[in-house]
N, C-alpha and C. Protein backbone atom coordinates (compact mmCIF):
# COMPACT_ATOMS: atom_id res chain seq x y z
N UNK A 1 58.95 130.33 71.70
CA UNK A 1 57.90 130.61 71.22
C UNK A 1 58.26 130.26 69.29
N UNK A 2 56.72 129.17 68.96
CA UNK A 2 56.79 128.68 67.86
C UNK A 2 56.67 130.03 67.07
N UNK A 3 57.22 129.27 65.41
CA UNK A 3 57.66 130.45 64.79
C UNK A 3 56.04 131.38 64.03
N UNK A 4 54.96 130.64 64.31
CA UNK A 4 54.08 130.84 64.05
C UNK A 4 52.86 131.59 64.75
N UNK A 5 53.55 131.74 65.87
CA UNK A 5 51.99 132.22 66.93
C UNK A 5 53.35 133.49 67.09
N UNK A 6 51.71 134.33 67.03
CA UNK A 6 52.07 135.54 66.91
C UNK A 6 52.26 136.22 68.54
N UNK A 7 53.07 137.27 68.50
CA UNK A 7 53.11 138.05 69.99
C UNK A 7 51.55 138.28 70.64
N UNK A 8 51.00 137.97 72.02
CA UNK A 8 50.12 138.40 71.92
C UNK A 8 49.98 139.69 73.00
N UNK A 9 50.41 140.44 73.43
CA UNK A 9 50.79 141.75 74.20
C UNK A 9 49.80 142.64 73.81
N UNK A 10 49.12 143.63 74.82
CA UNK A 10 48.32 144.43 74.41
C UNK A 10 49.21 145.52 73.49
N UNK A 11 50.34 145.93 73.78
CA UNK A 11 51.23 146.39 72.60
C UNK A 11 51.39 146.03 71.27
N UNK A 12 51.73 144.62 71.41
CA UNK A 12 52.06 144.31 70.06
C UNK A 12 50.38 143.99 69.41
N UNK A 13 49.52 143.62 69.87
CA UNK A 13 47.85 143.69 69.56
C UNK A 13 47.32 144.74 69.12
N UNK A 14 47.73 145.85 69.34
CA UNK A 14 47.46 147.00 69.24
C UNK A 14 48.20 147.79 67.79
N UNK A 15 49.61 147.40 67.89
CA UNK A 15 50.27 147.59 66.71
C UNK A 15 49.88 146.86 65.59
N UNK A 16 49.57 146.01 65.48
CA UNK A 16 48.90 145.13 64.68
C UNK A 16 47.66 145.68 63.86
N UNK A 17 46.79 145.60 65.44
CA UNK A 17 45.37 146.13 64.79
C UNK A 17 45.52 147.93 63.99
N UNK A 18 46.68 148.81 64.25
CA UNK A 18 46.76 149.88 63.77
C UNK A 18 47.10 149.84 62.28
N UNK A 19 47.97 148.86 62.24
CA UNK A 19 48.76 148.50 60.81
C UNK A 19 47.79 147.80 59.60
N UNK A 20 46.73 147.16 60.63
CA UNK A 20 45.85 145.89 59.24
C UNK A 20 44.96 146.87 58.91
N UNK A 21 44.69 147.93 60.08
CA UNK A 21 43.22 148.90 59.45
C UNK A 21 44.04 149.78 58.20
N UNK A 22 44.78 150.40 58.31
CA UNK A 22 45.88 150.93 56.78
C UNK A 22 45.66 149.95 55.88
N UNK A 23 46.27 148.67 56.01
CA UNK A 23 46.60 148.09 54.82
C UNK A 23 45.99 146.57 54.69
N UNK A 24 44.98 146.85 55.60
CA UNK A 24 44.03 145.82 55.24
C UNK A 24 42.64 145.99 54.41
N UNK A 25 42.39 147.24 53.82
CA UNK A 25 41.48 147.82 52.77
C UNK A 25 42.15 147.47 51.76
N UNK A 26 41.01 147.14 50.72
CA UNK A 26 41.25 146.88 49.62
C UNK A 26 41.79 148.19 48.59
N UNK A 27 41.73 149.14 49.08
CA UNK A 27 42.04 150.54 48.40
C UNK A 27 43.59 150.15 48.24
N UNK A 28 44.45 150.38 49.99
CA UNK A 28 45.35 150.47 50.16
C UNK A 28 46.22 149.57 49.62
N UNK A 29 46.59 147.91 49.60
CA UNK A 29 46.43 147.21 49.05
C UNK A 29 46.80 147.26 47.52
N UNK A 30 45.94 147.57 46.86
CA UNK A 30 45.82 147.70 45.26
C UNK A 30 46.60 149.29 45.09
N UNK A 31 46.58 149.76 46.09
CA UNK A 31 47.61 151.11 45.67
C UNK A 31 49.19 150.95 45.89
N UNK A 32 49.30 150.33 46.92
CA UNK A 32 50.71 150.16 47.25
C UNK A 32 51.00 149.18 45.98
N UNK A 33 50.67 148.38 45.98
CA UNK A 33 50.87 147.14 45.14
C UNK A 33 51.36 148.05 43.38
N UNK A 34 50.62 148.83 42.80
CA UNK A 34 50.61 149.73 41.78
C UNK A 34 51.84 150.09 41.74
N UNK A 35 51.46 150.79 43.16
CA UNK A 35 52.76 151.93 42.94
C UNK A 35 54.33 150.94 43.17
N UNK A 36 54.25 149.70 43.60
CA UNK A 36 55.17 149.07 43.75
C UNK A 36 56.06 148.69 42.20
N UNK A 37 55.00 149.20 41.35
CA UNK A 37 56.30 148.72 39.73
C UNK A 37 56.74 150.20 39.49
N UNK A 38 56.67 151.40 40.45
CA UNK A 38 57.56 152.57 40.16
C UNK A 38 56.90 153.70 40.60
N UNK A 39 56.93 154.98 40.40
CA UNK A 39 56.58 156.34 40.59
C UNK A 39 55.28 156.68 39.49
N UNK A 40 54.25 157.30 40.01
CA UNK A 40 53.35 157.46 39.04
C UNK A 40 52.16 158.69 39.45
N UNK A 41 52.00 159.12 38.66
CA UNK A 41 51.15 160.39 38.62
C UNK A 41 49.62 159.97 39.15
N UNK A 42 49.00 160.76 39.73
CA UNK A 42 47.71 160.60 40.24
C UNK A 42 46.83 160.06 39.23
N UNK A 43 46.78 160.38 38.35
CA UNK A 43 45.66 160.07 37.28
C UNK A 43 46.38 158.68 36.50
N UNK A 44 47.62 158.43 36.38
CA UNK A 44 48.11 157.06 36.13
C UNK A 44 47.58 155.78 37.19
N UNK A 45 47.89 156.35 38.37
CA UNK A 45 47.57 155.59 39.64
C UNK A 45 45.54 155.49 39.49
N UNK A 46 44.87 156.24 39.46
CA UNK A 46 43.49 155.82 39.21
C UNK A 46 43.10 155.39 38.16
N UNK A 47 43.84 155.36 37.04
CA UNK A 47 43.45 154.49 35.69
C UNK A 47 43.80 153.37 36.00
N UNK A 48 45.21 152.83 36.72
CA UNK A 48 45.58 151.57 37.20
C UNK A 48 44.29 150.77 37.89
N UNK A 49 43.70 151.10 38.50
CA UNK A 49 43.18 151.02 40.05
C UNK A 49 41.39 151.02 39.41
N UNK A 50 41.09 150.31 38.81
CA UNK A 50 39.42 149.70 38.50
C UNK A 50 38.31 150.24 39.62
N UNK A 51 37.73 150.69 39.23
CA UNK A 51 36.20 151.10 40.48
C UNK A 51 36.95 152.24 41.25
N UNK A 52 38.17 152.86 42.16
CA UNK A 52 37.87 153.70 42.62
C UNK A 52 38.28 155.00 42.27
N UNK A 53 37.12 155.79 43.42
CA UNK A 53 36.74 156.99 42.81
C UNK A 53 37.51 158.33 43.14
N UNK A 54 37.96 159.63 42.28
CA UNK A 54 38.96 160.34 42.91
C UNK A 54 39.08 160.61 44.25
N UNK A 55 38.07 160.89 44.68
CA UNK A 55 38.23 160.79 46.41
C UNK A 55 38.77 160.07 47.36
N UNK A 56 38.52 158.92 46.93
CA UNK A 56 38.71 157.32 47.88
C UNK A 56 40.33 157.43 47.59
N UNK A 57 40.89 157.54 46.22
CA UNK A 57 42.03 157.66 46.01
C UNK A 57 43.13 158.43 46.63
N UNK A 58 42.39 159.82 46.89
CA UNK A 58 43.15 160.90 47.62
C UNK A 58 42.77 160.53 49.15
N UNK A 59 41.99 159.76 49.60
CA UNK A 59 41.77 160.02 51.05
C UNK A 59 43.09 158.96 51.44
N UNK A 60 42.82 157.57 50.18
CA UNK A 60 44.26 156.88 50.88
C UNK A 60 45.12 157.14 50.27
N UNK A 61 45.49 157.62 49.50
CA UNK A 61 47.38 158.43 49.86
C UNK A 61 47.64 159.10 50.49
N UNK A 62 46.44 159.87 51.29
CA UNK A 62 46.93 160.95 52.62
C UNK A 62 47.15 159.91 53.29
N UNK A 63 46.19 158.61 53.68
CA UNK A 63 46.51 158.18 55.11
C UNK A 63 47.97 157.50 54.81
N UNK A 64 48.23 156.97 53.49
CA UNK A 64 49.66 156.58 53.16
C UNK A 64 50.74 156.94 53.21
N UNK A 65 50.52 158.13 52.86
CA UNK A 65 51.18 159.03 53.20
C UNK A 65 51.82 159.66 54.77
N UNK A 66 50.61 159.93 55.16
CA UNK A 66 50.73 160.24 56.67
C UNK A 66 51.40 158.94 57.38
N UNK A 67 51.31 157.94 56.89
CA UNK A 67 51.79 156.21 57.55
C UNK A 67 53.75 156.11 57.44
N UNK A 68 53.66 157.12 56.41
CA UNK A 68 55.31 157.03 55.63
C UNK A 68 55.41 155.86 55.15
N UNK A 69 54.59 155.81 54.23
CA UNK A 69 54.36 154.36 53.55
C UNK A 69 54.49 155.03 51.67
N UNK A 70 53.78 156.34 51.40
CA UNK A 70 53.95 156.82 50.23
C UNK A 70 54.61 158.16 50.35
N UNK A 71 55.57 158.31 48.94
CA UNK A 71 55.85 159.80 48.89
C UNK A 71 55.35 160.51 48.23
N UNK A 72 54.66 161.87 48.38
CA UNK A 72 54.15 162.33 47.55
C UNK A 72 54.67 163.72 47.11
N UNK A 73 55.14 163.64 45.56
CA UNK A 73 56.22 164.73 45.16
C UNK A 73 55.50 165.88 44.08
N UNK A 74 55.78 166.81 44.58
CA UNK A 74 54.82 168.10 43.84
C UNK A 74 56.11 168.73 42.48
N UNK A 75 55.49 168.62 41.49
CA UNK A 75 56.31 169.84 40.74
C UNK A 75 55.96 171.01 40.11
N UNK A 76 56.55 172.06 40.27
CA UNK A 76 56.02 173.13 39.73
C UNK A 76 55.76 173.40 38.37
N UNK A 77 54.91 172.91 37.94
CA UNK A 77 54.06 173.14 36.29
C UNK A 77 53.11 173.70 36.54
N UNK A 78 52.44 174.06 35.26
CA UNK A 78 51.03 174.11 35.07
C UNK A 78 50.12 173.42 34.22
N UNK A 79 49.68 172.60 35.03
CA UNK A 79 49.28 172.96 36.01
C UNK A 79 50.09 172.22 37.39
N UNK A 80 49.83 171.92 38.58
CA UNK A 80 51.09 171.42 39.61
C UNK A 80 50.94 169.91 38.92
N UNK A 81 51.94 168.99 39.00
CA UNK A 81 52.05 167.52 38.29
C UNK A 81 52.46 166.94 39.82
N UNK A 82 51.97 166.14 40.26
CA UNK A 82 52.22 165.24 41.56
C UNK A 82 52.15 164.08 41.17
N UNK A 83 53.53 163.41 41.92
CA UNK A 83 53.96 162.25 41.63
C UNK A 83 53.87 161.30 43.24
N UNK A 84 53.86 159.92 43.17
CA UNK A 84 53.16 159.00 44.20
C UNK A 84 54.50 158.17 43.76
N UNK A 85 55.08 157.96 44.92
CA UNK A 85 55.81 156.78 45.51
C UNK A 85 56.20 155.87 46.36
N UNK A 86 56.54 154.58 46.18
CA UNK A 86 56.80 153.68 47.86
C UNK A 86 57.56 154.45 48.55
N UNK A 87 57.63 154.46 49.76
CA UNK A 87 59.14 154.78 50.59
C UNK A 87 59.31 153.89 50.32
N UNK A 88 60.96 153.55 51.16
CA UNK A 88 61.62 152.06 51.61
C UNK A 88 60.38 151.76 52.63
N UNK A 89 60.01 152.32 53.43
CA UNK A 89 58.87 151.26 54.55
C UNK A 89 58.03 151.08 53.37
N UNK A 90 57.69 151.72 52.49
CA UNK A 90 56.45 151.07 51.95
C UNK A 90 56.48 149.80 51.06
N UNK A 91 57.89 149.65 50.29
CA UNK A 91 58.37 148.87 49.64
C UNK A 91 58.64 147.68 50.40
N UNK A 92 58.64 147.91 52.09
CA UNK A 92 58.97 146.78 52.68
C UNK A 92 57.28 146.00 52.61
N UNK A 93 56.48 146.58 52.51
CA UNK A 93 54.74 145.78 52.69
C UNK A 93 54.81 145.71 51.05
N UNK A 94 55.54 145.44 50.26
CA UNK A 94 55.28 144.55 49.10
C UNK A 94 55.75 143.07 49.46
N UNK A 95 56.58 142.58 50.26
CA UNK A 95 56.89 141.36 50.29
C UNK A 95 55.57 140.74 50.91
N UNK A 96 54.68 141.04 52.48
CA UNK A 96 53.66 140.68 52.92
C UNK A 96 52.50 140.81 51.78
N UNK A 97 52.45 141.40 51.55
CA UNK A 97 51.18 141.87 50.35
C UNK A 97 51.52 140.65 49.32
N UNK A 98 52.59 140.38 48.83
CA UNK A 98 52.55 139.31 47.67
C UNK A 98 52.07 138.01 48.48
N UNK A 99 52.90 138.09 49.67
CA UNK A 99 52.86 136.51 50.19
C UNK A 99 51.42 136.38 50.44
N UNK A 100 50.73 137.20 50.70
CA UNK A 100 49.16 137.20 50.87
C UNK A 100 48.30 136.63 49.51
N UNK A 101 48.53 137.52 48.66
CA UNK A 101 47.95 137.63 47.31
C UNK A 101 48.41 135.69 46.96
N UNK A 102 49.28 135.75 47.18
CA UNK A 102 50.33 134.05 46.47
C UNK A 102 48.99 133.05 47.51
N UNK A 103 48.91 132.98 48.62
CA UNK A 103 48.22 132.48 49.83
C UNK A 103 46.65 132.18 48.98
N UNK A 104 46.43 133.69 49.09
CA UNK A 104 44.83 133.69 48.81
C UNK A 104 44.59 132.96 47.17
N UNK A 105 45.02 133.09 46.38
CA UNK A 105 45.39 132.46 45.07
C UNK A 105 45.01 130.96 45.06
N UNK A 106 45.88 130.59 45.60
CA UNK A 106 45.85 128.98 46.26
C UNK A 106 45.08 128.82 47.16
N UNK A 107 44.60 129.18 47.67
CA UNK A 107 43.55 128.69 48.82
C UNK A 107 41.90 129.04 48.26
N UNK A 108 42.07 130.12 47.09
CA UNK A 108 40.65 130.17 46.90
C UNK A 108 39.50 129.04 46.90
N UNK A 109 40.15 128.05 45.57
CA UNK A 109 38.90 127.02 46.02
C UNK A 109 38.70 126.23 47.01
N UNK A 110 39.80 126.25 47.73
CA UNK A 110 39.49 125.36 49.32
C UNK A 110 38.48 126.23 50.17
N UNK A 111 38.80 127.06 50.14
CA UNK A 111 37.60 128.51 51.08
C UNK A 111 36.41 128.33 50.54
N UNK A 112 36.57 128.20 49.10
CA UNK A 112 34.90 128.26 48.41
C UNK A 112 34.36 127.13 49.02
N UNK A 113 35.19 125.94 48.63
CA UNK A 113 34.03 124.31 49.06
C UNK A 113 34.08 124.64 50.54
N UNK A 114 34.93 124.85 51.42
CA UNK A 114 34.54 124.89 52.76
C UNK A 114 33.14 126.10 53.10
N UNK A 115 33.23 126.62 52.30
CA UNK A 115 31.97 128.17 52.92
C UNK A 115 30.64 126.99 52.12
N UNK A 116 30.73 126.25 50.63
CA UNK A 116 29.89 125.79 50.67
C UNK A 116 29.28 124.36 51.17
N UNK A 117 30.12 123.64 51.77
CA UNK A 117 29.96 122.87 52.93
C UNK A 117 29.19 123.32 54.15
N UNK A 118 29.99 124.51 54.76
CA UNK A 118 29.38 125.01 56.15
C UNK A 118 27.99 125.79 55.77
N UNK A 119 27.87 126.46 54.35
CA UNK A 119 26.47 127.12 54.13
C UNK A 119 25.53 125.61 54.20
N UNK A 120 26.15 124.42 53.33
CA UNK A 120 24.61 123.60 53.23
C UNK A 120 24.27 122.99 55.17
N UNK A 121 25.61 122.87 55.64
CA UNK A 121 25.20 122.17 57.03
C UNK A 121 23.88 123.25 57.74
N UNK A 122 24.83 124.71 57.72
CA UNK A 122 23.86 125.26 58.18
C UNK A 122 21.99 125.47 57.60
N UNK A 123 22.05 124.88 56.16
CA UNK A 123 21.09 125.09 55.73
C UNK A 123 20.01 123.90 55.97
N UNK A 124 20.70 122.52 56.35
CA UNK A 124 20.27 121.60 56.91
C UNK A 124 19.48 121.93 58.50
N UNK A 125 20.54 122.22 59.12
CA UNK A 125 19.99 122.45 60.13
C UNK A 125 19.04 124.11 60.84
N UNK A 126 18.99 124.53 59.93
CA UNK A 126 17.98 125.65 60.21
C UNK A 126 16.92 125.15 59.24
N UNK A 127 16.94 123.96 58.60
CA UNK A 127 15.72 123.28 57.76
C UNK A 127 14.85 122.55 59.07
N UNK A 128 15.79 121.62 59.72
CA UNK A 128 15.49 121.03 60.85
C UNK A 128 15.14 121.31 62.29
N UNK A 129 15.28 123.01 62.53
CA UNK A 129 15.13 123.59 63.75
C UNK A 129 13.60 123.99 63.50
N UNK A 130 12.38 123.75 62.18
CA UNK A 130 11.62 124.88 62.04
C UNK A 130 10.76 123.49 61.95
């Protein structure tokens, strides 16, 4: 099998879909990237990620914790202090996320140009069919 060809068994497709569902949303990627810098308190994570609501941050952190990617530690202070950090499994996610971010940054202008060409073709096609 080619190194670029992904396995297509039902089992591998299911696993891929489940993982992409978790890490494919923008908040999970940003949270994992942010925690890649080291452990942070909830409020620090929220400050670091522009636009995320408290509720969305809570839900996403819980999902990442459930999947074993984030560790939540509660410290018995008044009020309680909570710290989040990547687990060893979560840290392994930094490599593909970084690779994807690098690819996206390097491919952005080519993608934008392709979209413009496509949109222009579709506009001409739509105009000629009316």
